[in-house]
N, C-alpha and C. Protein backbone atom coordinates (compact mmCIF):
# COMPACT_ATOMS: atom_id res chain seq x y z
N MET A 1 -11.76 -29.54 15.27
CA MET A 1 -11.09 -29.28 14.02
C MET A 1 -9.79 -28.28 14.51
N ASN A 2 -8.60 -28.52 13.82
CA ASN A 2 -7.77 -27.62 13.77
C ASN A 2 -6.90 -27.49 12.49
N LEU A 3 -5.67 -26.55 12.53
CA LEU A 3 -5.16 -26.34 11.38
C LEU A 3 -4.40 -27.68 10.66
N ARG A 4 -4.01 -28.40 11.80
CA ARG A 4 -3.45 -29.67 11.58
C ARG A 4 -4.28 -30.59 10.89
N ASP A 5 -5.29 -30.67 11.21
CA ASP A 5 -6.50 -31.68 10.30
C ASP A 5 -6.55 -31.04 9.06
N LEU A 6 -6.48 -29.69 8.81
CA LEU A 6 -6.73 -29.27 7.59
C LEU A 6 -5.58 -29.69 6.62
N ASP A 7 -4.39 -29.63 7.15
CA ASP A 7 -3.34 -29.76 6.40
C ASP A 7 -3.14 -31.35 6.19
N TYR A 8 -3.94 -32.20 7.01
CA TYR A 8 -3.89 -33.90 6.78
C TYR A 8 -5.04 -33.87 5.49
N LEU A 9 -6.02 -33.20 5.54
CA LEU A 9 -7.19 -33.30 4.37
C LEU A 9 -6.60 -32.75 3.34
N VAL A 10 -5.99 -31.71 3.23
CA VAL A 10 -5.43 -31.13 1.95
C VAL A 10 -4.26 -32.25 1.34
N ALA A 11 -3.33 -32.80 2.13
CA ALA A 11 -2.51 -33.73 1.79
C ALA A 11 -3.09 -34.92 1.24
N VAL A 12 -4.09 -35.49 1.68
CA VAL A 12 -4.86 -36.65 1.33
C VAL A 12 -5.08 -36.55 -0.31
N ALA A 13 -6.03 -35.11 -0.16
CA ALA A 13 -6.65 -34.51 -1.70
C ALA A 13 -5.45 -34.64 -2.57
N ASP A 14 -4.30 -34.04 -2.13
CA ASP A 14 -3.30 -33.86 -3.20
C ASP A 14 -2.93 -35.03 -3.61
N THR A 15 -2.53 -36.10 -2.68
CA THR A 15 -1.72 -37.41 -3.14
C THR A 15 -2.44 -38.30 -3.53
N GLY A 16 -3.86 -38.47 -3.16
CA GLY A 16 -4.77 -39.37 -3.52
C GLY A 16 -4.65 -40.82 -2.71
N HIS A 17 -3.66 -40.66 -1.66
CA HIS A 17 -3.39 -41.88 -0.79
C HIS A 17 -2.83 -41.42 0.60
N PHE A 18 -3.74 -42.12 1.42
CA PHE A 18 -3.32 -41.93 3.04
C PHE A 18 -1.61 -42.08 3.15
N GLY A 19 -1.14 -43.17 2.91
CA GLY A 19 0.03 -43.33 3.03
C GLY A 19 1.12 -42.24 2.56
N LEU A 20 1.05 -41.87 1.24
CA LEU A 20 1.74 -40.72 0.93
C LEU A 20 1.68 -39.43 1.83
N ALA A 21 0.19 -39.28 2.04
CA ALA A 21 -0.25 -37.97 2.83
C ALA A 21 0.48 -37.82 4.07
N ALA A 22 0.44 -39.19 4.33
CA ALA A 22 1.32 -39.12 5.86
C ALA A 22 2.64 -38.91 5.69
N ASP A 23 3.27 -39.38 4.80
CA ASP A 23 4.88 -39.09 4.45
C ASP A 23 4.92 -37.57 4.31
N ARG A 24 4.11 -37.16 3.67
CA ARG A 24 4.00 -35.76 3.31
C ARG A 24 4.18 -34.94 4.74
N CYS A 25 3.39 -35.36 5.48
CA CYS A 25 2.91 -34.73 6.80
C CYS A 25 3.98 -34.93 8.00
N ARG A 26 4.71 -36.15 7.41
CA ARG A 26 5.52 -36.54 8.71
C ARG A 26 5.10 -37.02 9.86
N VAL A 27 4.02 -37.91 9.48
CA VAL A 27 3.11 -38.58 10.79
C VAL A 27 3.08 -40.01 10.36
N SER A 28 2.63 -40.85 11.12
CA SER A 28 2.04 -42.26 10.83
C SER A 28 0.93 -42.28 9.98
N GLN A 29 0.74 -43.44 9.04
CA GLN A 29 -0.35 -43.39 8.40
C GLN A 29 -1.74 -43.72 9.63
N PRO A 30 -1.46 -44.43 10.38
CA PRO A 30 -2.65 -44.69 11.37
C PRO A 30 -2.94 -43.19 11.96
N THR A 31 -1.88 -42.39 12.40
CA THR A 31 -2.31 -41.21 12.94
C THR A 31 -3.19 -40.58 12.22
N LEU A 32 -2.72 -40.18 10.80
CA LEU A 32 -3.30 -39.45 9.67
C LEU A 32 -4.76 -40.12 9.58
N SER A 33 -4.77 -41.23 9.31
CA SER A 33 -6.17 -41.66 8.77
C SER A 33 -7.35 -41.69 10.23
N MET A 34 -6.63 -41.66 11.58
CA MET A 34 -7.39 -41.65 12.48
C MET A 34 -7.91 -40.07 12.49
N GLN A 35 -7.27 -39.05 12.32
CA GLN A 35 -7.72 -37.83 12.46
C GLN A 35 -8.70 -37.19 11.29
N VAL A 36 -8.53 -37.89 10.21
CA VAL A 36 -9.21 -37.51 8.97
C VAL A 36 -10.74 -38.33 9.27
N LYS A 37 -10.70 -39.34 10.04
CA LYS A 37 -12.17 -40.09 10.11
C LYS A 37 -12.52 -39.20 11.28
N LYS A 38 -11.72 -38.58 12.33
CA LYS A 38 -12.41 -37.64 13.60
C LYS A 38 -12.83 -36.47 12.71
N LEU A 39 -12.47 -35.86 11.63
CA LEU A 39 -12.79 -34.72 10.84
C LEU A 39 -14.17 -35.07 10.17
N GLU A 40 -14.25 -36.21 9.68
CA GLU A 40 -15.65 -36.63 9.01
C GLU A 40 -16.64 -36.86 10.01
N ALA A 41 -16.36 -37.42 10.82
CA ALA A 41 -17.31 -37.45 11.99
C ALA A 41 -17.76 -36.33 12.56
N GLU A 42 -16.83 -35.40 12.75
CA GLU A 42 -17.18 -33.84 13.46
C GLU A 42 -18.16 -33.24 12.33
N LEU A 43 -17.68 -33.42 11.22
CA LEU A 43 -18.64 -32.81 9.82
C LEU A 43 -19.83 -33.57 9.58
N GLY A 44 -19.92 -34.81 10.00
CA GLY A 44 -21.04 -35.49 9.50
C GLY A 44 -21.29 -35.85 8.26
N THR A 45 -20.09 -36.04 7.27
CA THR A 45 -20.13 -36.53 5.92
C THR A 45 -18.87 -37.27 5.79
N ALA A 46 -18.84 -38.05 4.87
CA ALA A 46 -17.66 -38.93 4.32
C ALA A 46 -16.84 -37.57 3.28
N LEU A 47 -15.79 -37.48 3.26
CA LEU A 47 -14.84 -36.72 2.52
C LEU A 47 -14.14 -37.17 1.39
N PHE A 48 -13.99 -38.83 1.80
CA PHE A 48 -13.22 -39.47 0.79
C PHE A 48 -13.65 -40.65 0.43
N GLU A 49 -13.68 -41.45 -0.92
CA GLU A 49 -14.00 -42.44 -1.12
C GLU A 49 -12.74 -43.26 -1.23
N ARG A 50 -12.60 -44.39 -0.09
CA ARG A 50 -11.42 -45.25 -0.02
C ARG A 50 -11.37 -46.35 -0.75
N SER A 51 -10.48 -46.67 -1.11
CA SER A 51 -10.25 -48.09 -1.96
C SER A 51 -8.77 -48.53 -1.80
N PRO A 52 -8.60 -49.92 -2.11
CA PRO A 52 -7.18 -50.17 -2.25
C PRO A 52 -6.16 -49.49 -2.80
N ARG A 53 -6.54 -48.73 -4.01
CA ARG A 53 -5.56 -47.87 -4.77
C ARG A 53 -5.51 -46.65 -4.19
N GLY A 54 -6.17 -45.95 -3.15
CA GLY A 54 -6.07 -44.79 -2.83
C GLY A 54 -7.24 -44.16 -2.30
N ALA A 55 -7.47 -42.93 -2.22
CA ALA A 55 -8.52 -42.29 -1.80
C ALA A 55 -8.93 -40.75 -2.72
N LEU A 56 -10.05 -40.94 -3.08
CA LEU A 56 -10.62 -39.73 -3.96
C LEU A 56 -11.47 -38.81 -3.13
N THR A 57 -11.64 -37.64 -3.32
CA THR A 57 -12.62 -36.82 -2.63
C THR A 57 -14.17 -37.03 -3.13
N THR A 58 -15.05 -37.11 -2.17
CA THR A 58 -16.35 -37.00 -2.34
C THR A 58 -16.80 -35.65 -3.00
N ALA A 59 -18.06 -35.23 -3.48
CA ALA A 59 -18.40 -34.00 -3.96
C ALA A 59 -18.30 -32.98 -3.07
N ILE A 60 -18.74 -33.29 -1.94
CA ILE A 60 -18.84 -32.40 -0.63
C ILE A 60 -17.33 -32.24 0.12
N GLY A 61 -16.63 -33.46 -0.12
CA GLY A 61 -15.27 -33.43 0.16
C GLY A 61 -14.40 -32.50 -0.60
N ALA A 62 -14.56 -32.40 -1.77
CA ALA A 62 -13.68 -31.54 -2.67
C ALA A 62 -14.03 -30.19 -2.31
N ALA A 63 -15.29 -29.95 -2.22
CA ALA A 63 -15.75 -28.39 -1.73
C ALA A 63 -15.00 -28.13 -0.41
N ILE A 64 -15.23 -29.03 0.58
CA ILE A 64 -14.53 -28.69 1.70
C ILE A 64 -12.99 -28.75 1.78
N VAL A 65 -12.26 -29.41 0.99
CA VAL A 65 -10.88 -29.33 0.65
C VAL A 65 -10.58 -27.67 0.00
N ALA A 66 -11.34 -27.49 -0.88
CA ALA A 66 -11.22 -25.91 -1.16
C ALA A 66 -11.49 -25.14 -0.22
N ARG A 67 -12.14 -25.07 0.62
CA ARG A 67 -12.15 -24.07 1.72
C ARG A 67 -11.07 -24.44 2.73
N ALA A 68 -10.56 -25.61 2.87
CA ALA A 68 -9.35 -25.78 3.61
C ALA A 68 -8.11 -25.09 2.86
N ARG A 69 -8.03 -24.95 1.60
CA ARG A 69 -6.84 -24.40 1.02
C ARG A 69 -7.06 -23.15 1.34
N HIS A 70 -8.18 -22.26 1.09
CA HIS A 70 -8.40 -21.17 1.26
C HIS A 70 -7.79 -20.67 2.98
N VAL A 71 -8.26 -21.51 4.00
CA VAL A 71 -7.80 -21.28 5.33
C VAL A 71 -6.22 -21.21 5.45
N GLN A 72 -5.43 -22.49 4.71
CA GLN A 72 -4.13 -22.38 4.51
C GLN A 72 -3.43 -21.19 4.12
N GLU A 73 -4.04 -20.64 2.94
CA GLU A 73 -3.43 -19.35 2.63
C GLU A 73 -3.83 -18.18 3.56
N GLU A 74 -4.84 -18.03 3.97
CA GLU A 74 -5.09 -17.23 4.82
C GLU A 74 -4.22 -17.03 5.91
N VAL A 75 -3.89 -18.20 6.75
CA VAL A 75 -2.89 -18.57 7.84
C VAL A 75 -1.58 -18.14 7.15
N ARG A 76 -1.11 -18.49 6.08
CA ARG A 76 0.16 -18.03 5.39
C ARG A 76 0.48 -16.95 5.50
N GLN A 77 -0.70 -15.96 4.86
CA GLN A 77 -0.46 -14.33 5.01
C GLN A 77 -0.46 -14.11 6.38
N MET A 78 -1.17 -14.44 7.14
CA MET A 78 -1.13 -13.98 8.61
C MET A 78 0.09 -13.91 9.14
N ARG A 79 0.93 -15.16 8.88
CA ARG A 79 2.15 -15.37 9.45
C ARG A 79 3.21 -14.53 8.81
N GLU A 80 2.86 -14.35 7.62
CA GLU A 80 3.93 -13.24 6.69
C GLU A 80 3.63 -11.95 7.08
N LEU A 81 2.45 -11.56 7.56
CA LEU A 81 2.19 -10.14 7.99
C LEU A 81 2.97 -10.04 9.04
N ALA A 82 2.70 -11.20 9.91
CA ALA A 82 3.37 -10.88 11.52
C ALA A 82 5.01 -10.92 11.45
N ALA A 83 5.44 -11.67 10.57
CA ALA A 83 6.86 -11.57 10.36
C ALA A 83 7.39 -10.25 9.83
N ARG A 84 6.71 -9.71 9.06
CA ARG A 84 7.10 -8.55 8.26
C ARG A 84 6.92 -7.25 9.36
N GLY A 85 5.97 -7.26 10.03
CA GLY A 85 5.46 -6.40 11.13
C GLY A 85 6.31 -6.30 12.23
N ALA A 86 7.01 -7.58 12.41
CA ALA A 86 8.36 -7.35 13.29
C ALA A 86 9.18 -6.40 13.09
N ALA A 87 9.35 -5.99 11.88
CA ALA A 87 10.41 -5.14 11.30
C ALA A 87 10.06 -3.58 11.50
N GLY A 88 8.86 -3.31 11.83
CA GLY A 88 8.38 -1.86 11.71
C GLY A 88 7.15 -1.83 10.85
N PHE A 89 7.18 -0.53 10.39
CA PHE A 89 6.10 -0.31 9.77
C PHE A 89 5.97 -1.43 8.35
N VAL A 90 4.60 -1.93 8.11
CA VAL A 90 4.71 -2.82 6.99
C VAL A 90 3.21 -2.51 6.47
N GLY A 91 3.29 -2.73 5.14
CA GLY A 91 2.08 -2.47 4.18
C GLY A 91 2.42 -1.66 3.05
N MET A 92 1.75 -0.95 2.82
CA MET A 92 1.58 0.15 1.70
C MET A 92 1.12 1.59 2.12
N LEU A 93 2.06 2.45 1.83
CA LEU A 93 2.12 3.99 2.10
C LEU A 93 1.56 4.83 0.67
N ARG A 94 0.33 5.05 0.92
CA ARG A 94 -0.33 5.72 -0.27
C ARG A 94 0.10 7.47 -0.24
N LEU A 95 0.94 7.56 -0.90
CA LEU A 95 1.45 8.98 -1.04
C LEU A 95 1.14 9.83 -2.24
N GLY A 96 0.61 10.98 -2.03
CA GLY A 96 0.19 11.93 -2.96
C GLY A 96 1.37 13.03 -3.17
N VAL A 97 1.33 13.40 -4.29
CA VAL A 97 2.51 14.34 -4.61
C VAL A 97 2.08 15.38 -5.47
N ILE A 98 2.22 16.78 -5.66
CA ILE A 98 1.87 17.65 -6.67
C ILE A 98 3.07 17.45 -7.67
N PRO A 99 2.73 17.81 -9.21
CA PRO A 99 3.76 17.36 -10.17
C PRO A 99 4.79 18.50 -10.01
N THR A 100 4.62 19.88 -9.25
CA THR A 100 5.68 20.49 -9.37
C THR A 100 6.86 20.20 -8.22
N ALA A 101 6.51 19.22 -7.50
CA ALA A 101 7.32 19.29 -6.31
C ALA A 101 7.92 17.71 -6.25
N GLY A 102 6.98 16.73 -6.91
CA GLY A 102 7.71 15.38 -6.95
C GLY A 102 8.99 15.19 -7.48
N PRO A 103 9.33 15.81 -8.64
CA PRO A 103 10.74 15.48 -9.19
C PRO A 103 11.85 15.75 -8.29
N TYR A 104 11.58 16.87 -7.15
CA TYR A 104 12.53 17.41 -6.50
C TYR A 104 12.61 17.04 -5.14
N ILE A 105 11.41 16.57 -4.53
CA ILE A 105 11.35 16.11 -3.05
C ILE A 105 11.42 14.75 -3.22
N LEU A 106 10.79 13.88 -4.22
CA LEU A 106 10.68 12.61 -3.88
C LEU A 106 12.15 11.79 -3.85
N PRO A 107 13.01 12.11 -4.93
CA PRO A 107 14.33 11.49 -4.68
C PRO A 107 15.10 11.85 -3.54
N ARG A 108 14.69 12.62 -2.55
CA ARG A 108 15.12 13.12 -1.36
C ARG A 108 14.59 12.15 -0.18
N ILE A 109 13.20 11.95 -0.23
CA ILE A 109 12.69 11.35 0.98
C ILE A 109 12.35 9.95 0.65
N LEU A 110 12.31 9.36 -0.46
CA LEU A 110 11.80 8.03 -0.72
C LEU A 110 13.02 6.98 -0.44
N PRO A 111 14.53 7.59 -0.60
CA PRO A 111 15.47 6.72 0.08
C PRO A 111 15.39 6.41 1.39
N VAL A 112 15.17 7.63 2.10
CA VAL A 112 15.01 7.50 3.38
C VAL A 112 13.90 6.78 3.98
N ILE A 113 12.88 6.98 3.36
CA ILE A 113 11.69 5.90 3.67
C ILE A 113 12.09 4.43 3.65
N GLN A 114 12.66 3.97 2.52
CA GLN A 114 12.79 2.63 2.06
C GLN A 114 14.08 2.12 2.92
N ALA A 115 15.10 2.85 3.16
CA ALA A 115 16.20 2.48 4.30
C ALA A 115 15.46 2.28 5.77
N THR A 116 14.47 3.34 6.23
CA THR A 116 14.12 3.26 7.48
C THR A 116 12.96 2.03 7.62
N TYR A 117 12.11 1.86 6.51
CA TYR A 117 11.12 1.17 6.52
C TYR A 117 11.24 0.17 5.46
N PRO A 118 12.01 -0.82 5.42
CA PRO A 118 12.14 -1.64 4.04
C PRO A 118 11.25 -2.47 3.73
N ARG A 119 10.20 -2.57 4.72
CA ARG A 119 8.98 -3.65 4.36
C ARG A 119 7.78 -2.68 3.97
N LEU A 120 8.25 -1.44 4.01
CA LEU A 120 6.63 -0.40 3.50
C LEU A 120 7.03 -0.24 2.09
N GLU A 121 5.81 -0.46 1.63
CA GLU A 121 5.79 -0.20 -0.04
C GLU A 121 5.02 1.01 -0.25
N ALA A 122 5.90 2.02 -1.10
CA ALA A 122 5.10 3.46 -1.31
C ALA A 122 4.75 3.27 -2.59
N HIS A 123 3.17 3.75 -2.60
CA HIS A 123 2.42 3.89 -3.69
C HIS A 123 2.23 5.30 -4.09
N LEU A 124 2.75 5.86 -5.06
CA LEU A 124 2.66 7.16 -5.53
C LEU A 124 1.55 7.50 -6.55
N ARG A 125 1.05 8.59 -6.04
CA ARG A 125 -0.14 9.23 -6.98
C ARG A 125 0.03 10.75 -7.18
N GLU A 126 0.18 11.32 -8.30
CA GLU A 126 0.65 12.53 -8.83
C GLU A 126 -0.76 13.38 -9.06
N ALA A 127 -1.26 14.43 -8.44
CA ALA A 127 -2.42 15.44 -8.83
C ALA A 127 -2.26 16.69 -8.36
N MET A 128 -2.98 17.35 -8.74
CA MET A 128 -2.78 19.06 -8.18
C MET A 128 -3.55 18.94 -6.72
N THR A 129 -3.03 20.02 -6.12
CA THR A 129 -3.29 19.93 -4.75
C THR A 129 -4.83 19.81 -4.26
N ALA A 130 -5.94 20.47 -5.02
CA ALA A 130 -7.14 20.27 -4.56
C ALA A 130 -7.45 18.79 -4.81
N ARG A 131 -7.23 17.91 -5.84
CA ARG A 131 -7.31 16.66 -5.82
C ARG A 131 -6.76 15.72 -4.82
N LEU A 132 -5.66 16.08 -4.56
CA LEU A 132 -4.98 15.39 -3.39
C LEU A 132 -5.53 15.49 -1.87
N LEU A 133 -6.08 16.70 -1.62
CA LEU A 133 -6.74 17.17 -0.32
C LEU A 133 -8.02 16.06 -0.45
N ALA A 134 -8.64 16.22 -1.44
CA ALA A 134 -10.01 15.56 -1.59
C ALA A 134 -9.77 14.10 -1.29
N LEU A 135 -8.49 13.30 -1.98
CA LEU A 135 -8.31 11.83 -1.74
C LEU A 135 -7.91 11.65 -0.14
N LEU A 136 -7.18 12.54 0.55
CA LEU A 136 -6.99 12.60 1.76
C LEU A 136 -8.14 12.55 2.73
N HIS A 137 -9.21 13.42 2.48
CA HIS A 137 -10.46 13.44 3.13
C HIS A 137 -11.43 12.14 3.00
N ALA A 138 -11.03 11.55 1.68
CA ALA A 138 -11.75 10.31 1.55
C ALA A 138 -11.07 9.13 1.95
N ASN A 139 -9.90 9.21 2.60
CA ASN A 139 -8.90 8.15 3.17
C ASN A 139 -8.53 7.08 1.90
N GLU A 140 -8.29 8.02 0.65
CA GLU A 140 -7.82 7.18 -0.49
C GLU A 140 -6.31 7.35 -0.42
N LEU A 141 -5.80 8.26 0.28
CA LEU A 141 -4.48 8.64 0.47
C LEU A 141 -4.06 8.67 1.99
N ASP A 142 -2.80 8.15 2.44
CA ASP A 142 -2.34 8.28 3.61
C ASP A 142 -1.62 9.52 3.90
N ALA A 143 -0.93 10.00 3.17
CA ALA A 143 -0.35 11.47 3.05
C ALA A 143 0.00 11.96 1.90
N ALA A 144 0.00 13.30 1.65
CA ALA A 144 0.43 14.04 0.55
C ALA A 144 1.38 15.14 0.58
N ILE A 145 2.11 15.53 -0.34
CA ILE A 145 3.18 16.37 -0.14
C ILE A 145 2.55 17.79 -1.25
N VAL A 146 2.28 18.81 -0.52
CA VAL A 146 1.66 19.92 -1.27
C VAL A 146 2.42 21.25 -0.97
N SER A 147 2.14 22.26 -1.40
CA SER A 147 2.55 23.47 -1.11
C SER A 147 1.78 24.30 -0.57
N GLU A 148 2.09 25.34 0.33
CA GLU A 148 1.34 26.33 0.90
C GLU A 148 0.95 27.25 -0.33
N PRO A 149 -0.24 28.23 0.02
CA PRO A 149 -0.99 28.09 1.19
C PRO A 149 -2.11 27.01 1.15
N ILE A 150 -2.30 26.33 2.16
CA ILE A 150 -3.42 25.49 2.42
C ILE A 150 -4.11 25.73 3.67
N ASP A 151 -5.48 25.68 3.59
CA ASP A 151 -6.08 25.56 4.92
C ASP A 151 -7.27 24.69 5.04
N GLU A 152 -7.03 23.61 5.52
CA GLU A 152 -7.78 22.35 5.80
C GLU A 152 -8.17 21.63 6.92
N PRO A 153 -9.11 22.10 7.57
CA PRO A 153 -9.31 21.39 8.95
C PRO A 153 -9.60 20.04 8.83
N GLY A 154 -8.98 19.15 9.92
CA GLY A 154 -8.99 17.64 10.26
C GLY A 154 -7.80 17.25 9.71
N LEU A 155 -6.68 17.67 8.98
CA LEU A 155 -5.77 17.23 8.47
C LEU A 155 -4.57 17.54 9.40
N ASP A 156 -3.57 16.83 9.60
CA ASP A 156 -2.21 16.94 10.33
C ASP A 156 -1.40 17.57 9.12
N ARG A 157 -0.51 18.28 9.69
CA ARG A 157 0.53 18.72 8.70
C ARG A 157 1.89 18.96 9.43
N ALA A 158 2.77 18.85 8.63
CA ALA A 158 4.17 18.96 8.95
C ALA A 158 5.01 19.54 7.75
N ASP A 159 5.75 20.53 8.15
CA ASP A 159 6.77 20.88 7.27
C ASP A 159 7.83 20.11 6.97
N LEU A 160 8.17 20.01 5.51
CA LEU A 160 9.23 19.34 5.04
C LEU A 160 10.60 19.96 4.70
N LEU A 161 10.22 20.99 4.06
CA LEU A 161 11.47 21.98 3.78
C LEU A 161 10.75 23.46 3.17
N ARG A 162 11.54 24.27 3.22
CA ARG A 162 11.24 25.63 2.62
C ARG A 162 12.33 26.13 1.73
N GLU A 163 11.89 26.51 0.75
CA GLU A 163 12.71 27.21 -0.36
C GLU A 163 12.63 28.56 -0.80
N ARG A 164 13.53 29.11 -1.38
CA ARG A 164 13.31 30.64 -1.66
C ARG A 164 12.40 30.62 -2.77
N PHE A 165 11.80 31.83 -3.03
CA PHE A 165 10.66 32.12 -3.73
C PHE A 165 11.70 33.00 -4.83
N MET A 166 11.86 32.54 -6.08
CA MET A 166 12.73 33.37 -6.95
C MET A 166 12.00 33.79 -8.30
N LEU A 167 12.31 35.03 -8.62
CA LEU A 167 11.57 35.59 -9.88
C LEU A 167 12.89 35.78 -10.87
N THR A 168 12.42 35.20 -12.07
CA THR A 168 13.35 35.26 -13.34
C THR A 168 12.65 36.45 -14.09
N ALA A 169 13.56 37.03 -14.68
CA ALA A 169 13.11 38.34 -15.31
C ALA A 169 14.26 38.71 -16.54
N SER A 170 13.69 39.24 -17.40
CA SER A 170 14.75 39.96 -18.45
C SER A 170 16.00 40.87 -17.92
N PRO A 171 16.79 40.95 -18.59
CA PRO A 171 17.92 42.07 -18.18
C PRO A 171 17.33 43.26 -17.70
N ALA A 172 16.51 44.13 -18.38
CA ALA A 172 15.92 45.20 -18.33
C ALA A 172 14.91 45.18 -17.10
N GLN A 173 14.36 44.24 -16.73
CA GLN A 173 13.51 44.02 -15.63
C GLN A 173 14.27 43.90 -14.47
N ALA A 174 15.29 42.99 -14.57
CA ALA A 174 16.04 42.52 -13.42
C ALA A 174 16.94 43.90 -13.06
N ALA A 175 17.47 44.68 -13.73
CA ALA A 175 17.84 46.01 -13.50
C ALA A 175 16.96 46.87 -12.56
N ALA A 176 15.76 46.89 -13.17
CA ALA A 176 14.73 47.92 -12.56
C ALA A 176 14.31 47.48 -11.10
N LEU A 177 14.45 45.86 -11.00
CA LEU A 177 14.05 45.59 -9.57
C LEU A 177 15.17 45.57 -8.73
N ALA A 178 16.51 46.05 -9.16
CA ALA A 178 17.57 46.29 -8.32
C ALA A 178 17.49 47.73 -7.51
N GLY A 179 16.31 48.38 -8.05
CA GLY A 179 16.11 49.40 -7.37
C GLY A 179 15.16 49.61 -6.04
N PRO A 180 14.88 50.73 -5.45
CA PRO A 180 14.42 50.64 -4.06
C PRO A 180 12.72 50.29 -4.15
N ASP A 181 12.01 50.64 -5.50
CA ASP A 181 10.68 50.18 -5.39
C ASP A 181 10.47 48.97 -6.24
N ARG A 182 10.46 47.71 -5.83
CA ARG A 182 10.52 46.82 -6.58
C ARG A 182 8.94 46.40 -7.18
N ALA A 183 7.86 46.72 -6.24
CA ALA A 183 6.62 46.76 -6.51
C ALA A 183 6.23 47.58 -7.79
N ALA A 184 6.87 48.81 -7.98
CA ALA A 184 6.60 49.70 -9.04
C ALA A 184 7.29 49.15 -10.40
N ALA A 185 8.54 48.55 -10.10
CA ALA A 185 9.03 48.00 -11.22
C ALA A 185 8.32 46.95 -11.94
N LEU A 186 7.44 46.28 -11.06
CA LEU A 186 6.73 45.08 -11.69
C LEU A 186 5.22 45.56 -11.79
N ALA A 187 4.92 46.51 -11.73
CA ALA A 187 3.65 47.00 -11.99
C ALA A 187 3.53 46.97 -13.57
N GLY A 188 2.27 46.25 -13.98
CA GLY A 188 1.96 46.29 -15.30
C GLY A 188 2.72 45.20 -16.16
N ALA A 189 3.58 44.78 -15.60
CA ALA A 189 4.54 43.74 -16.36
C ALA A 189 3.79 42.22 -16.40
N PRO A 190 3.84 41.68 -17.79
CA PRO A 190 3.15 40.45 -17.62
C PRO A 190 3.91 39.38 -16.87
N VAL A 191 3.27 38.49 -16.37
CA VAL A 191 3.85 37.35 -15.45
C VAL A 191 3.56 36.01 -16.05
N LEU A 192 4.63 35.27 -16.27
CA LEU A 192 4.22 33.83 -16.76
C LEU A 192 4.07 32.89 -15.71
N MET A 193 2.86 32.33 -15.45
CA MET A 193 2.66 31.35 -14.36
C MET A 193 2.17 29.99 -14.80
N LEU A 194 1.98 29.12 -13.88
CA LEU A 194 1.05 27.81 -14.07
C LEU A 194 -0.18 27.87 -14.42
N GLU A 195 -0.89 26.91 -14.81
CA GLU A 195 -2.34 27.12 -15.06
C GLU A 195 -3.10 26.98 -13.68
N ASP A 196 -4.41 27.47 -13.88
CA ASP A 196 -5.16 26.99 -12.63
C ASP A 196 -4.88 25.69 -12.07
N GLY A 197 -4.98 25.68 -10.67
CA GLY A 197 -4.84 24.37 -9.94
C GLY A 197 -3.68 24.06 -9.53
N HIS A 198 -2.72 24.54 -10.05
CA HIS A 198 -1.32 24.50 -9.43
C HIS A 198 -1.02 25.39 -8.21
N CYS A 199 -0.35 25.07 -7.28
CA CYS A 199 -0.34 25.93 -5.99
C CYS A 199 0.80 26.75 -6.28
N LEU A 200 1.68 26.52 -7.08
CA LEU A 200 2.77 27.41 -7.38
C LEU A 200 2.16 28.71 -8.17
N LYS A 201 1.02 28.62 -8.72
CA LYS A 201 0.31 29.81 -9.18
C LYS A 201 -0.42 30.67 -8.24
N ASP A 202 -0.71 29.69 -7.35
CA ASP A 202 -1.54 30.64 -6.04
C ASP A 202 -0.82 31.36 -5.04
N GLN A 203 0.70 30.56 -5.29
CA GLN A 203 1.91 31.30 -4.15
C GLN A 203 2.25 32.57 -5.00
N THR A 204 2.36 32.66 -6.13
CA THR A 204 2.82 33.46 -6.96
C THR A 204 1.72 34.82 -6.83
N VAL A 205 0.43 34.45 -7.11
CA VAL A 205 -0.34 35.69 -6.82
C VAL A 205 -0.64 36.13 -5.44
N LEU A 206 -0.30 35.24 -4.58
CA LEU A 206 -0.03 35.90 -3.13
C LEU A 206 1.00 36.82 -2.93
N VAL A 207 2.07 36.60 -3.42
CA VAL A 207 3.20 37.23 -3.54
C VAL A 207 3.01 38.35 -4.01
N CYS A 208 2.44 38.58 -5.20
CA CYS A 208 2.03 39.72 -5.92
C CYS A 208 1.12 40.68 -5.36
N ARG A 209 0.28 39.98 -4.67
CA ARG A 209 -0.70 41.09 -3.92
C ARG A 209 -0.21 41.52 -2.71
N ARG A 210 0.93 41.21 -2.16
CA ARG A 210 1.74 41.61 -1.20
C ARG A 210 2.45 43.07 -1.61
């Protein structure tokens, strides 16, 4: 049994006629008929009921034809995967990103990824840092864009970019911050931050503690 035999088998089932199946497979009718008979002998059962009008699948033949179609589809997908793989990375990139970084970083990196690996499909997932790290450890993400500080053993990391940490203040506070003792100027001042879970809040707290 080989793939060509399965092609013959499916062609006869589709057309209901050995002659039409032979035309479709671009072989002579005797060649196709002989290969189908060899396949039936190998399997030990009749796959078609033959008559002057054509051929109909037997009950077991219909089940085997269904399996043959499945094999054909698997082979088609393997060939497609091989063709796509020849162009470089192929498949799906499961990429996580924190909400505060996605709108600013993704427009920069996605066009580069798509231009470099045109057959790589990016699937994006937005979540907070703790959730993204958990998904990485569970192998539900391939990579994640997060902000420091993080300390996660077992994960590789690379710096994408660095940004200045800026403070927005009222005119009076800004004037006080222009003096030599910025820490004293900020002491007791209310600070607006993101809610718990956002790494930007963790960064802000870390800076204030310094």
